[in-house]
Amino acid sequence: MDAPGVDVGVVACAPPRDDVASAAVKLRVRSLSRRYEGVTALDDVTLTIPEGRTALLGPNGAGKSTLLKCVLGLVRPTAGDIEVLGIDPRRDPLGVRARIGYMPEDDAHLPDLTAVELCAYGAELAGLPPREAIDRAHAALFYVGLDDKRYMPVQGYSTGLRQRTKLAAAIVHDPELLFLDEPTNGLDPASREEMLSLIADLRARRGCSVVLSTHLLADVERVCDHVVVLNAGKVVADAPLREVLGLGDGRYLVRVKPVAERFEAFERALRDLGCESDPSPDARGEWIVRPSSPDDPSPIWEAALRADVQVRHLAQRKASLDEAFLRLLA
C-alpha cells in the first residue's frame, strides 16, 4: 500500500461522504438510531457504502445485525434515514429486497429441497416468474460450481457445499447489492479460497457490489477495498481499506547492511537522537524504530551516519488490519 497514513481520529470522525457521486452510492445512512427498551443498538449512525466490496466489521453487539435488519426493512429505525439503491426500505421494503441479495450466516434451507429447487424458490420470492426462476437457478449453481450436484438435497451437503448453495440463492436474481454474513465460516482452506475467489469475481463478472460481514480480517484484506467499523452502535471508521491500513503507530521498518559490529553503535545513536527501537535487530539487520516525530525519519538517517551503517530500506510501517481494528476499538 502506498497511500499516506492518516490519524485514527480522522478516520473515526470522518464526515459523511456526500461528495461521492450518487450513481456510485449503493447504501446511504444518515443519523440512524435504533433503540430497544433500555438498549441503544444504533446511535446516530451515518455512513456510505460505495460501489465495490465493503467490509462491515465490529465486535459482537456492535450493531451490525440491527443495521442489516434496518436496511432490509425488517426493523424500523427509531430515527434517521436509509437509502438502499435510492429506495427507502421503510416505504418500499419489497422493492429493496428485489434488488439486493442476502447470504445468512446460519443455514436457511428447507428440508428435502434440492439445490436447484431452493434457488428457484428464492428467485420466485424475488419476483421472477417460475420458468425464469428455474433458468436462473441453474445458472447461479453453475457459477458457484455446483452444476453437477444441483439435484441433490441440500441437507445432505457438506459445509462447503451448503455455503456455495447459500451464495447461489443470494445471487440468483442478479442483485445490485449483496450482503454476505460470514461466508467462509466453517470452510477448510481450499473451500475458503474458492469462496473468496467467487466473492472477488462478483463485481467484475456480475456487476454486483458486496457488503461482507465477517470476523476473519484476513478475508477482508483479501477481497475488500472499503471498510466500515461499528463499535457500541457507533461508526468508528468509514474509509477505504488502504487508509485504514495506513493507521500505523509512527514506527518505521529500517533495514541496514548486516554488519553486526556496528549494530550497537547504531542503536546507541538512535537512542541519543530520541528514537525508540527494538532491543536488537534480526539477522538481516532489520529494526523497528519509532522517531520522536512520526512524520520525520531524519533522526534515523542521522543515527546511521553517526554509526557508519548503510541503510538499505526505510519505510513507515503499516498496521495490519488486526492492529488497525484493535486500535479503532480502543
C-alpha atoms as a PDB file:
ATOM      1  CA  MET A   1       0.000   0.000   0.000  1.00  0.00           C
ATOM      2  CA  ASP A   2       1.471   3.358  -0.946  1.00  0.00           C
ATOM      3  CA  ALA A   3      -1.226   5.639   0.463  1.00  0.00           C
ATOM      4  CA  PRO A   4      -0.056   8.018   3.194  1.00  0.00           C
ATOM      5  CA  GLY A   5      -1.001   7.196   6.771  1.00  0.00           C
ATOM      6  CA  VAL A   6      -3.873   9.018   8.413  1.00  0.00           C
ATOM      7  CA  ASP A   7      -4.610   9.677  12.040  1.00  0.00           C
ATOM      8  CA  VAL A   8      -7.074   7.360  13.794  1.00  0.00           C
ATOM      9  CA  GLY A   9      -9.257  10.294  14.732  1.00  0.00           C
ATOM     10  CA  VAL A  10      -9.530  11.383  11.120  1.00  0.00           C
ATOM     11  CA  VAL A  11     -10.987   8.044  10.088  1.00  0.00           C
ATOM     12  CA  ALA A  12     -13.151   7.682  13.170  1.00  0.00           C
ATOM     13  CA  CYS A  13     -14.615  11.165  12.847  1.00  0.00           C
ATOM     14  CA  ALA A  14     -14.752  11.465   9.067  1.00  0.00           C
ATOM     15  CA  PRO A  15     -17.791  13.437   7.855  1.00  0.00           C
ATOM     16  CA  PRO A  16     -20.450  11.729   5.707  1.00  0.00           C
ATOM     17  CA  ARG A  17     -19.099  11.280   2.216  1.00  0.00           C
ATOM     18  CA  ASP A  18     -21.846  13.199   0.383  1.00  0.00           C
ATOM     19  CA  ASP A  19     -19.250  14.072  -2.234  1.00  0.00           C
ATOM     20  CA  VAL A  20     -19.472  10.514  -3.545  1.00  0.00           C
ATOM     21  CA  ALA A  21     -21.389  10.553  -6.816  1.00  0.00           C
ATOM     22  CA  SER A  22     -24.961   9.341  -6.328  1.00  0.00           C
ATOM     23  CA  ALA A  23     -24.577   6.736  -9.072  1.00  0.00           C
ATOM     24  CA  ALA A  24     -21.675   5.194  -7.160  1.00  0.00           C
ATOM     25  CA  VAL A  25     -23.508   5.027  -3.826  1.00  0.00           C
ATOM     26  CA  LYS A  26     -25.236   1.751  -3.033  1.00  0.00           C
ATOM     27  CA  LEU A  27     -26.263   2.433   0.556  1.00  0.00           C
ATOM     28  CA  ARG A  28     -26.527   5.750   2.391  1.00  0.00           C
ATOM     29  CA  VAL A  29     -27.377   6.002   6.090  1.00  0.00           C
ATOM     30  CA  ARG A  30     -27.892   9.321   7.868  1.00  0.00           C
ATOM     31  CA  SER A  31     -28.231   9.847  11.636  1.00  0.00           C
ATOM     32  CA  LEU A  32     -29.717   6.376  12.074  1.00  0.00           C
ATOM     33  CA  SER A  33     -30.700   5.276  15.569  1.00  0.00           C
ATOM     34  CA  ARG A  34     -32.486   2.214  16.827  1.00  0.00           C
ATOM     35  CA  ARG A  35     -33.426   1.894  20.460  1.00  0.00           C
ATOM     36  CA  TYR A  36     -34.949  -1.037  22.251  1.00  0.00           C
ATOM     37  CA  GLU A  37     -36.176  -0.938  25.828  1.00  0.00           C
ATOM     38  CA  GLY A  38     -33.117   0.007  27.834  1.00  0.00           C
ATOM     39  CA  VAL A  39     -30.721  -0.597  24.927  1.00  0.00           C
ATOM     40  CA  THR A  40     -29.429   1.624  22.125  1.00  0.00           C
ATOM     41  CA  ALA A  41     -28.382  -0.717  19.316  1.00  0.00           C
ATOM     42  CA  LEU A  42     -27.553   2.058  16.824  1.00  0.00           C
ATOM     43  CA  ASP A  43     -26.580   5.543  17.947  1.00  0.00           C
ATOM     44  CA  ASP A  44     -26.659   8.321  15.301  1.00  0.00           C
ATOM     45  CA  VAL A  45     -25.029   6.170  12.612  1.00  0.00           C
ATOM     46  CA  THR A  46     -24.006   7.917   9.400  1.00  0.00           C
ATOM     47  CA  LEU A  47     -22.172   6.023   6.660  1.00  0.00           C
ATOM     48  CA  THR A  48     -21.985   5.494   2.922  1.00  0.00           C
ATOM     49  CA  ILE A  49     -21.388   2.200   1.103  1.00  0.00           C
ATOM     50  CA  PRO A  50     -19.833   2.823  -2.332  1.00  0.00           C
ATOM     51  CA  GLU A  51     -19.626   0.548  -5.334  1.00  0.00           C
ATOM     52  CA  GLY A  52     -17.209  -2.324  -4.917  1.00  0.00           C
ATOM     53  CA  ARG A  53     -16.569  -4.592  -1.944  1.00  0.00           C
ATOM     54  CA  THR A  54     -17.057  -3.194   1.559  1.00  0.00           C
ATOM     55  CA  ALA A  55     -16.339  -4.910   4.872  1.00  0.00           C
ATOM     56  CA  LEU A  56     -18.756  -4.341   7.746  1.00  0.00           C
ATOM     57  CA  LEU A  57     -16.810  -5.039  10.919  1.00  0.00           C
ATOM     58  CA  GLY A  58     -17.322  -4.786  14.646  1.00  0.00           C
ATOM     59  CA  PRO A  59     -17.314  -6.877  17.822  1.00  0.00           C
ATOM     60  CA  ASN A  60     -20.366  -8.806  18.958  1.00  0.00           C
ATOM     61  CA  GLY A  61     -23.071  -6.366  19.991  1.00  0.00           C
ATOM     62  CA  ALA A  62     -21.677  -3.546  17.849  1.00  0.00           C
ATOM     63  CA  GLY A  63     -24.957  -3.110  15.956  1.00  0.00           C
ATOM     64  CA  LYS A  64     -24.134  -4.867  12.671  1.00  0.00           C
ATOM     65  CA  SER A  65     -27.167  -7.173  12.730  1.00  0.00           C
ATOM     66  CA  THR A  66     -29.519  -4.341  13.669  1.00  0.00           C
ATOM     67  CA  LEU A  67     -28.134  -2.226  10.839  1.00  0.00           C
ATOM     68  CA  LEU A  68     -28.722  -5.026   8.318  1.00  0.00           C
ATOM     69  CA  LYS A  69     -32.270  -5.547   9.593  1.00  0.00           C
ATOM     70  CA  CYS A  70     -32.980  -1.841   9.151  1.00  0.00           C
ATOM     71  CA  VAL A  71     -31.529  -1.929   5.644  1.00  0.00           C
ATOM     72  CA  LEU A  72     -33.685  -4.941   4.748  1.00  0.00           C
ATOM     73  CA  GLY A  73     -36.804  -3.236   6.111  1.00  0.00           C
ATOM     74  CA  LEU A  74     -37.255  -5.875   8.819  1.00  0.00           C
ATOM     75  CA  VAL A  75     -36.740  -3.401  11.676  1.00  0.00           C
ATOM     76  CA  ARG A  76     -37.985   0.171  11.693  1.00  0.00           C
ATOM     77  CA  PRO A  77     -35.397   2.726  12.880  1.00  0.00           C
ATOM     78  CA  THR A  78     -36.165   4.937  15.835  1.00  0.00           C
ATOM     79  CA  ALA A  79     -34.717   7.915  13.948  1.00  0.00           C
ATOM     80  CA  GLY A  80     -32.734   8.703  10.825  1.00  0.00           C
ATOM     81  CA  ASP A  81     -32.843   7.889   7.127  1.00  0.00           C
ATOM     82  CA  ILE A  82     -31.753   4.999   4.894  1.00  0.00           C
ATOM     83  CA  GLU A  83     -31.449   4.820   1.120  1.00  0.00           C
ATOM     84  CA  VAL A  84     -30.703   1.456  -0.478  1.00  0.00           C
ATOM     85  CA  LEU A  85     -30.089   1.853  -4.212  1.00  0.00           C
ATOM     86  CA  GLY A  86     -32.060   5.083  -3.914  1.00  0.00           C
ATOM     87  CA  ILE A  87     -35.032   3.380  -2.192  1.00  0.00           C
ATOM     88  CA  ASP A  88     -36.261   3.951   1.366  1.00  0.00           C
ATOM     89  CA  PRO A  89     -36.804   0.446   2.819  1.00  0.00           C
ATOM     90  CA  ARG A  90     -39.461   1.789   5.198  1.00  0.00           C
ATOM     91  CA  ARG A  91     -41.627   2.854   2.261  1.00  0.00           C
ATOM     92  CA  ASP A  92     -40.814   0.036  -0.157  1.00  0.00           C
ATOM     93  CA  PRO A  93     -39.215  -2.951   1.619  1.00  0.00           C
ATOM     94  CA  LEU A  94     -40.189  -5.380  -1.140  1.00  0.00           C
ATOM     95  CA  GLY A  95     -38.644  -3.111  -3.757  1.00  0.00           C
ATOM     96  CA  VAL A  96     -35.380  -3.140  -1.813  1.00  0.00           C
ATOM     97  CA  ARG A  97     -35.368  -6.909  -1.324  1.00  0.00           C
ATOM     98  CA  ALA A  98     -35.991  -7.476  -5.050  1.00  0.00           C
ATOM     99  CA  ARG A  99     -32.739  -5.658  -5.854  1.00  0.00           C
ATOM    100  CA  ILE A 100     -30.428  -6.908  -3.102  1.00  0.00           C
ATOM    101  CA  GLY A 101     -29.193 -10.335  -2.093  1.00  0.00           C
ATOM    102  CA  TYR A 102     -28.512 -11.719   1.365  1.00  0.00           C
ATOM    103  CA  MET A 103     -26.455 -14.750   2.356  1.00  0.00           C
ATOM    104  CA  PRO A 104     -27.117 -15.504   6.049  1.00  0.00           C
ATOM    105  CA  GLU A 105     -24.555 -16.947   8.424  1.00  0.00           C
ATOM    106  CA  ASP A 106     -26.854 -19.765   9.542  1.00  0.00           C
ATOM    107  CA  ASP A 107     -28.261 -22.396   7.210  1.00  0.00           C
ATOM    108  CA  ALA A 108     -31.710 -21.453   5.919  1.00  0.00           C
ATOM    109  CA  HIS A 109     -32.594 -24.281   3.534  1.00  0.00           C
ATOM    110  CA  LEU A 110     -35.949 -26.030   3.589  1.00  0.00           C
ATOM    111  CA  PRO A 111     -35.998 -29.782   4.335  1.00  0.00           C
ATOM    112  CA  ASP A 112     -35.785 -32.140   1.331  1.00  0.00           C
ATOM    113  CA  LEU A 113     -35.331 -29.382  -1.267  1.00  0.00           C
ATOM    114  CA  THR A 114     -32.602 -29.851  -3.830  1.00  0.00           C
ATOM    115  CA  ALA A 115     -30.212 -27.007  -4.547  1.00  0.00           C
ATOM    116  CA  VAL A 116     -31.977 -26.090  -7.787  1.00  0.00           C
ATOM    117  CA  GLU A 117     -35.385 -26.127  -6.085  1.00  0.00           C
ATOM    118  CA  LEU A 118     -34.115 -23.943  -3.250  1.00  0.00           C
ATOM    119  CA  CYS A 119     -32.553 -21.399  -5.606  1.00  0.00           C
ATOM    120  CA  ALA A 120     -35.618 -21.320  -7.860  1.00  0.00           C
ATOM    121  CA  TYR A 121     -37.826 -20.762  -4.831  1.00  0.00           C
ATOM    122  CA  GLY A 122     -35.633 -17.827  -3.787  1.00  0.00           C
ATOM    123  CA  ALA A 123     -35.826 -16.385  -7.303  1.00  0.00           C
ATOM    124  CA  GLU A 124     -39.624 -16.559  -7.255  1.00  0.00           C
ATOM    125  CA  LEU A 125     -39.662 -14.807  -3.877  1.00  0.00           C
ATOM    126  CA  ALA A 126     -37.657 -12.037  -5.541  1.00  0.00           C
ATOM    127  CA  GLY A 127     -40.418 -11.665  -8.120  1.00  0.00           C
ATOM    128  CA  LEU A 128     -39.250 -13.774 -11.058  1.00  0.00           C
ATOM    129  CA  PRO A 129     -41.745 -15.965 -12.954  1.00  0.00           C
ATOM    130  CA  PRO A 130     -41.349 -19.757 -12.429  1.00  0.00           C
ATOM    131  CA  ARG A 131     -39.722 -20.565 -15.797  1.00  0.00           C
ATOM    132  CA  GLU A 132     -37.178 -17.779 -15.478  1.00  0.00           C
ATOM    133  CA  ALA A 133     -36.582 -18.683 -11.827  1.00  0.00           C
ATOM    134  CA  ILE A 134     -35.593 -22.234 -12.827  1.00  0.00           C
ATOM    135  CA  ASP A 135     -33.264 -20.970 -15.554  1.00  0.00           C
ATOM    136  CA  ARG A 136     -31.641 -18.512 -13.170  1.00  0.00           C
ATOM    137  CA  ALA A 137     -31.254 -21.235 -10.531  1.00  0.00           C
ATOM    138  CA  HIS A 138     -29.310 -23.461 -12.926  1.00  0.00           C
ATOM    139  CA  ALA A 139     -27.121 -20.528 -13.990  1.00  0.00           C
ATOM    140  CA  ALA A 140     -26.353 -19.472 -10.392  1.00  0.00           C
ATOM    141  CA  LEU A 141     -25.464 -23.014  -9.326  1.00  0.00           C
ATOM    142  CA  PHE A 142     -23.202 -23.388 -12.346  1.00  0.00           C
ATOM    143  CA  TYR A 143     -21.488 -20.116 -11.403  1.00  0.00           C
ATOM    144  CA  VAL A 144     -20.679 -21.327  -7.876  1.00  0.00           C
ATOM    145  CA  GLY A 145     -19.511 -24.724  -9.113  1.00  0.00           C
ATOM    146  CA  LEU A 146     -22.497 -26.867  -8.107  1.00  0.00           C
ATOM    147  CA  ASP A 147     -23.888 -27.782 -11.519  1.00  0.00           C
ATOM    148  CA  ASP A 148     -23.101 -31.490 -11.019  1.00  0.00           C
ATOM    149  CA  LYS A 149     -24.759 -31.625  -7.570  1.00  0.00           C
ATOM    150  CA  ARG A 150     -27.760 -29.396  -8.115  1.00  0.00           C
ATOM    151  CA  TYR A 151     -30.315 -32.217  -7.907  1.00  0.00           C
ATOM    152  CA  MET A 152     -29.099 -33.458  -4.519  1.00  0.00           C
ATOM    153  CA  PRO A 153     -30.970 -32.485  -1.313  1.00  0.00           C
ATOM    154  CA  VAL A 154     -29.156 -29.588   0.349  1.00  0.00           C
ATOM    155  CA  GLN A 155     -29.469 -31.127   3.814  1.00  0.00           C
ATOM    156  CA  GLY A 156     -27.006 -33.839   2.746  1.00  0.00           C
ATOM    157  CA  TYR A 157     -24.355 -31.363   1.619  1.00  0.00           C
ATOM    158  CA  SER A 158     -21.062 -30.712   3.319  1.00  0.00           C
ATOM    159  CA  THR A 159     -20.485 -27.312   4.945  1.00  0.00           C
ATOM    160  CA  GLY A 160     -18.641 -26.082   1.875  1.00  0.00           C
ATOM    161  CA  LEU A 161     -21.424 -27.116  -0.494  1.00  0.00           C
ATOM    162  CA  ARG A 162     -24.088 -25.536   1.733  1.00  0.00           C
ATOM    163  CA  GLN A 163     -22.162 -22.254   1.764  1.00  0.00           C
ATOM    164  CA  ARG A 164     -21.995 -22.306  -2.039  1.00  0.00           C
ATOM    165  CA  THR A 165     -25.713 -23.038  -2.236  1.00  0.00           C
ATOM    166  CA  LYS A 166     -26.474 -20.067   0.010  1.00  0.00           C
ATOM    167  CA  LEU A 167     -24.340 -17.855  -2.236  1.00  0.00           C
ATOM    168  CA  ALA A 168     -26.158 -19.133  -5.334  1.00  0.00           C
ATOM    169  CA  ALA A 169     -29.531 -18.452  -3.697  1.00  0.00           C
ATOM    170  CA  ALA A 170     -28.386 -14.931  -2.812  1.00  0.00           C
ATOM    171  CA  ILE A 171     -27.354 -14.045  -6.379  1.00  0.00           C
ATOM    172  CA  VAL A 172     -29.987 -15.990  -8.337  1.00  0.00           C
ATOM    173  CA  HIS A 173     -31.988 -12.830  -9.130  1.00  0.00           C
ATOM    174  CA  ASP A 174     -28.881 -10.809 -10.156  1.00  0.00           C
ATOM    175  CA  PRO A 175     -28.916  -8.331  -7.254  1.00  0.00           C
ATOM    176  CA  GLU A 176     -27.143  -4.997  -7.483  1.00  0.00           C
ATOM    177  CA  LEU A 177     -26.034  -5.186  -3.851  1.00  0.00           C
ATOM    178  CA  LEU A 178     -25.175  -8.360  -1.956  1.00  0.00           C
ATOM    179  CA  PHE A 179     -24.851  -8.799   1.814  1.00  0.00           C
ATOM    180  CA  LEU A 180     -22.684 -11.729   2.919  1.00  0.00           C
ATOM    181  CA  ASP A 181     -22.700 -12.780   6.578  1.00  0.00           C
ATOM    182  CA  GLU A 182     -19.652 -14.912   7.494  1.00  0.00           C
ATOM    183  CA  PRO A 183     -19.493 -16.598   4.046  1.00  0.00           C
ATOM    184  CA  THR A 184     -16.297 -18.556   4.835  1.00  0.00           C
ATOM    185  CA  ASN A 185     -17.445 -19.759   8.246  1.00  0.00           C
ATOM    186  CA  GLY A 186     -16.517 -23.425   8.810  1.00  0.00           C
ATOM    187  CA  LEU A 187     -14.711 -23.871   5.494  1.00  0.00           C
ATOM    188  CA  ASP A 188     -11.439 -25.711   5.053  1.00  0.00           C
ATOM    189  CA  PRO A 189      -8.554 -23.706   3.493  1.00  0.00           C
ATOM    190  CA  ALA A 190      -9.240 -24.854  -0.079  1.00  0.00           C
ATOM    191  CA  SER A 191     -13.002 -24.179   0.137  1.00  0.00           C
ATOM    192  CA  ARG A 192     -12.334 -20.821   1.797  1.00  0.00           C
ATOM    193  CA  GLU A 193     -10.041 -19.770  -1.031  1.00  0.00           C
ATOM    194  CA  GLU A 194     -12.647 -20.825  -3.612  1.00  0.00           C
ATOM    195  CA  MET A 195     -15.350 -18.811  -1.803  1.00  0.00           C
ATOM    196  CA  LEU A 196     -13.136 -15.717  -1.622  1.00  0.00           C
ATOM    197  CA  SER A 197     -12.354 -16.046  -5.329  1.00  0.00           C
ATOM    198  CA  LEU A 198     -16.080 -16.099  -6.088  1.00  0.00           C
ATOM    199  CA  ILE A 199     -16.645 -13.009  -3.930  1.00  0.00           C
ATOM    200  CA  ALA A 200     -13.780 -11.178  -5.626  1.00  0.00           C
ATOM    201  CA  ASP A 201     -15.236 -12.124  -9.012  1.00  0.00           C
ATOM    202  CA  LEU A 202     -18.780 -10.891  -8.341  1.00  0.00           C
ATOM    203  CA  ARG A 203     -18.043  -7.259  -9.093  1.00  0.00           C
ATOM    204  CA  ALA A 204     -16.230  -7.887 -12.384  1.00  0.00           C
ATOM    205  CA  ARG A 205     -18.393 -10.719 -13.711  1.00  0.00           C
ATOM    206  CA  ARG A 206     -21.856  -9.827 -12.416  1.00  0.00           C
ATOM    207  CA  GLY A 207     -21.656  -6.089 -11.670  1.00  0.00           C
ATOM    208  CA  CYS A 208     -22.643  -6.743  -8.068  1.00  0.00           C
ATOM    209  CA  SER A 209     -21.376  -4.690  -5.136  1.00  0.00           C
ATOM    210  CA  VAL A 210     -20.738  -6.615  -1.927  1.00  0.00           C
ATOM    211  CA  VAL A 211     -21.005  -5.889   1.799  1.00  0.00           C
ATOM    212  CA  LEU A 212     -19.040  -8.536   3.698  1.00  0.00           C
ATOM    213  CA  SER A 213     -19.651  -9.041   7.411  1.00  0.00           C
ATOM    214  CA  THR A 214     -17.011 -11.306   8.940  1.00  0.00           C
ATOM    215  CA  HIS A 215     -14.755 -11.865  11.931  1.00  0.00           C
ATOM    216  CA  LEU A 216     -11.936 -13.135   9.681  1.00  0.00           C
ATOM    217  CA  LEU A 217      -9.953  -9.996   8.966  1.00  0.00           C
ATOM    218  CA  ALA A 218      -7.670 -11.840   6.561  1.00  0.00           C
ATOM    219  CA  ASP A 219     -10.732 -12.316   4.326  1.00  0.00           C
ATOM    220  CA  VAL A 220     -11.301  -8.560   4.359  1.00  0.00           C
ATOM    221  CA  GLU A 221      -7.725  -7.826   3.306  1.00  0.00           C
ATOM    222  CA  ARG A 222      -8.086 -10.427   0.570  1.00  0.00           C
ATOM    223  CA  VAL A 223     -11.243  -9.124  -1.141  1.00  0.00           C
ATOM    224  CA  CYS A 224     -12.415  -5.739   0.193  1.00  0.00           C
ATOM    225  CA  ASP A 225     -11.494  -2.201  -0.811  1.00  0.00           C
ATOM    226  CA  HIS A 226     -13.555  -0.271   1.752  1.00  0.00           C
ATOM    227  CA  VAL A 227     -14.149  -0.739   5.496  1.00  0.00           C
ATOM    228  CA  VAL A 228     -16.911   0.318   7.879  1.00  0.00           C
ATOM    229  CA  VAL A 229     -16.345  -0.426  11.578  1.00  0.00           C
ATOM    230  CA  LEU A 230     -19.089  -0.250  14.204  1.00  0.00           C
ATOM    231  CA  ASN A 231     -18.496  -0.284  17.939  1.00  0.00           C
ATOM    232  CA  ALA A 232     -21.201   0.062  20.608  1.00  0.00           C
ATOM    233  CA  GLY A 233     -23.678   1.254  17.995  1.00  0.00           C
ATOM    234  CA  LYS A 234     -21.441   3.998  16.606  1.00  0.00           C
ATOM    235  CA  VAL A 235     -19.360   4.305  13.443  1.00  0.00           C
ATOM    236  CA  VAL A 236     -15.648   4.432  14.331  1.00  0.00           C
ATOM    237  CA  ALA A 237     -14.324   4.054  10.775  1.00  0.00           C
ATOM    238  CA  ASP A 238     -15.731   4.565   7.285  1.00  0.00           C
ATOM    239  CA  ALA A 239     -12.829   4.717   4.841  1.00  0.00           C
ATOM    240  CA  PRO A 240     -11.007   2.938   2.026  1.00  0.00           C
ATOM    241  CA  LEU A 241      -9.066  -0.103   3.224  1.00  0.00           C
ATOM    242  CA  ARG A 242      -5.757   1.466   2.184  1.00  0.00           C
ATOM    243  CA  GLU A 243      -6.393   4.349   4.594  1.00  0.00           C
ATOM    244  CA  VAL A 244      -7.341   2.058   7.463  1.00  0.00           C
ATOM    245  CA  LEU A 245      -4.170   0.041   6.877  1.00  0.00           C
ATOM    246  CA  GLY A 246      -2.271   3.321   6.945  1.00  0.00           C
ATOM    247  CA  LEU A 247      -3.144   3.772  10.601  1.00  0.00           C
ATOM    248  CA  GLY A 248       0.378   2.919  11.720  1.00  0.00           C
ATOM    249  CA  ASP A 249       1.813   3.690  15.127  1.00  0.00           C
ATOM    250  CA  GLY A 250       4.597   6.011  13.986  1.00  0.00           C
ATOM    251  CA  ARG A 251       7.158   3.239  13.602  1.00  0.00           C
ATOM    252  CA  TYR A 252       9.486   2.679  10.678  1.00  0.00           C
ATOM    253  CA  LEU A 253      10.914  -0.500   9.269  1.00  0.00           C
ATOM    254  CA  VAL A 254      14.661   0.030   8.883  1.00  0.00           C
ATOM    255  CA  ARG A 255      16.983  -2.448   7.209  1.00  0.00           C
ATOM    256  CA  VAL A 256      20.741  -1.832   7.239  1.00  0.00           C
ATOM    257  CA  LYS A 257      23.708  -3.691   5.839  1.00  0.00           C
ATOM    258  CA  PRO A 258      24.143  -6.619   8.264  1.00  0.00           C
ATOM    259  CA  VAL A 259      27.500  -5.690   9.801  1.00  0.00           C
ATOM    260  CA  ALA A 260      26.980  -6.899  13.365  1.00  0.00           C
ATOM    261  CA  GLU A 261      29.838  -4.977  14.959  1.00  0.00           C
ATOM    262  CA  ARG A 262      28.125  -1.687  14.043  1.00  0.00           C
ATOM    263  CA  PHE A 263      24.683  -2.585  15.367  1.00  0.00           C
ATOM    264  CA  GLU A 264      25.410  -1.470  18.919  1.00  0.00           C
ATOM    265  CA  ALA A 265      26.676   1.928  17.762  1.00  0.00           C
ATOM    266  CA  PHE A 266      23.581   2.381  15.582  1.00  0.00           C
ATOM    267  CA  GLU A 267      21.261   1.505  18.438  1.00  0.00           C
ATOM    268  CA  ARG A 268      23.098   3.914  20.756  1.00  0.00           C
ATOM    269  CA  ALA A 269      22.885   6.694  18.163  1.00  0.00           C
ATOM    270  CA  LEU A 270      19.145   6.085  17.729  1.00  0.00           C
ATOM    271  CA  ARG A 271      18.633   6.360  21.468  1.00  0.00           C
ATOM    272  CA  ASP A 272      20.716   9.539  21.701  1.00  0.00           C
ATOM    273  CA  LEU A 273      18.573  11.117  18.974  1.00  0.00           C
ATOM    274  CA  GLY A 274      15.314  10.360  20.788  1.00  0.00           C
ATOM    275  CA  CYS A 275      14.277   7.262  18.835  1.00  0.00           C
ATOM    276  CA  GLU A 276      12.803   4.121  20.344  1.00  0.00           C
ATOM    277  CA  SER A 277      13.873   0.833  18.796  1.00  0.00           C
ATOM    278  CA  ASP A 278      13.576  -2.886  19.339  1.00  0.00           C
ATOM    279  CA  PRO A 279      16.304  -4.148  21.651  1.00  0.00           C
ATOM    280  CA  SER A 280      18.174  -5.837  18.833  1.00  0.00           C
ATOM    281  CA  PRO A 281      17.862  -6.350  15.082  1.00  0.00           C
ATOM    282  CA  ASP A 282      17.248  -9.654  13.389  1.00  0.00           C
ATOM    283  CA  ALA A 283      19.916 -11.450  11.376  1.00  0.00           C
ATOM    284  CA  ARG A 284      19.189  -9.323   8.322  1.00  0.00           C
ATOM    285  CA  GLY A 285      19.920  -6.085  10.146  1.00  0.00           C
ATOM    286  CA  GLU A 286      16.261  -5.121  10.434  1.00  0.00           C
ATOM    287  CA  TRP A 287      14.958  -2.778  13.118  1.00  0.00           C
ATOM    288  CA  ILE A 288      11.569  -1.372  14.049  1.00  0.00           C
ATOM    289  CA  VAL A 289      12.215   2.270  15.019  1.00  0.00           C
ATOM    290  CA  ARG A 290       9.915   4.977  16.346  1.00  0.00           C
ATOM    291  CA  PRO A 291      11.374   8.505  15.968  1.00  0.00           C
ATOM    292  CA  SER A 292      10.241  11.286  18.310  1.00  0.00           C
ATOM    293  CA  SER A 293       8.159  12.753  15.454  1.00  0.00           C
ATOM    294  CA  PRO A 294       6.247  10.080  13.466  1.00  0.00           C
ATOM    295  CA  ASP A 295       6.402  12.130  10.263  1.00  0.00           C
ATOM    296  CA  ASP A 296      10.118  12.903  10.459  1.00  0.00           C
ATOM    297  CA  PRO A 297      12.522   9.978   9.885  1.00  0.00           C
ATOM    298  CA  SER A 298      15.561  12.252   9.656  1.00  0.00           C
ATOM    299  CA  PRO A 299      16.903  11.155  13.090  1.00  0.00           C
ATOM    300  CA  ILE A 300      17.154   7.611  11.697  1.00  0.00           C
ATOM    301  CA  TRP A 301      19.322   8.842   8.833  1.00  0.00           C
ATOM    302  CA  GLU A 302      21.429  10.881  11.265  1.00  0.00           C
ATOM    303  CA  ALA A 303      21.916   7.834  13.522  1.00  0.00           C
ATOM    304  CA  ALA A 304      23.002   5.754  10.528  1.00  0.00           C
ATOM    305  CA  LEU A 305      25.531   8.438   9.578  1.00  0.00           C
ATOM    306  CA  ARG A 306      26.939   8.572  13.114  1.00  0.00           C
ATOM    307  CA  ALA A 307      27.252   4.789  13.342  1.00  0.00           C
ATOM    308  CA  ASP A 308      28.575   4.435   9.794  1.00  0.00           C
ATOM    309  CA  VAL A 309      25.916   1.926   8.778  1.00  0.00           C
ATOM    310  CA  GLN A 310      24.405   1.600   5.329  1.00  0.00           C
ATOM    311  CA  VAL A 311      20.617   1.965   5.223  1.00  0.00           C
ATOM    312  CA  ARG A 312      19.155  -0.344   2.596  1.00  0.00           C
ATOM    313  CA  HIS A 313      15.469   0.133   3.331  1.00  0.00           C
ATOM    314  CA  LEU A 314      13.417   2.652   5.297  1.00  0.00           C
ATOM    315  CA  ALA A 315       9.626   2.875   5.169  1.00  0.00           C
ATOM    316  CA  GLN A 316       6.834   3.800   7.529  1.00  0.00           C
ATOM    317  CA  ARG A 317       5.396   0.651   8.985  1.00  0.00           C
ATOM    318  CA  LYS A 318       1.778  -0.028   8.048  1.00  0.00           C
ATOM    319  CA  ALA A 319      -0.597  -1.562  10.523  1.00  0.00           C
ATOM    320  CA  SER A 320      -2.128  -4.921   9.768  1.00  0.00           C
ATOM    321  CA  LEU A 321      -5.916  -4.885   9.685  1.00  0.00           C
ATOM    322  CA  ASP A 322      -5.915  -6.718  13.034  1.00  0.00           C
ATOM    323  CA  GLU A 323      -3.807  -3.944  14.577  1.00  0.00           C
ATOM    324  CA  ALA A 324      -5.885  -1.166  12.993  1.00  0.00           C
ATOM    325  CA  PHE A 325      -9.122  -2.843  14.112  1.00  0.00           C
ATOM    326  CA  LEU A 326      -7.975  -3.121  17.731  1.00  0.00           C
ATOM    327  CA  ARG A 327      -6.721   0.461  17.660  1.00  0.00           C
ATOM    328  CA  LEU A 328     -10.097   1.722  16.407  1.00  0.00           C
ATOM    329  CA  LEU A 329     -11.935  -0.145  19.178  1.00  0.00           C
ATOM    330  CA  ALA A 330      -9.637   1.142  21.929  1.00  0.00           C
END
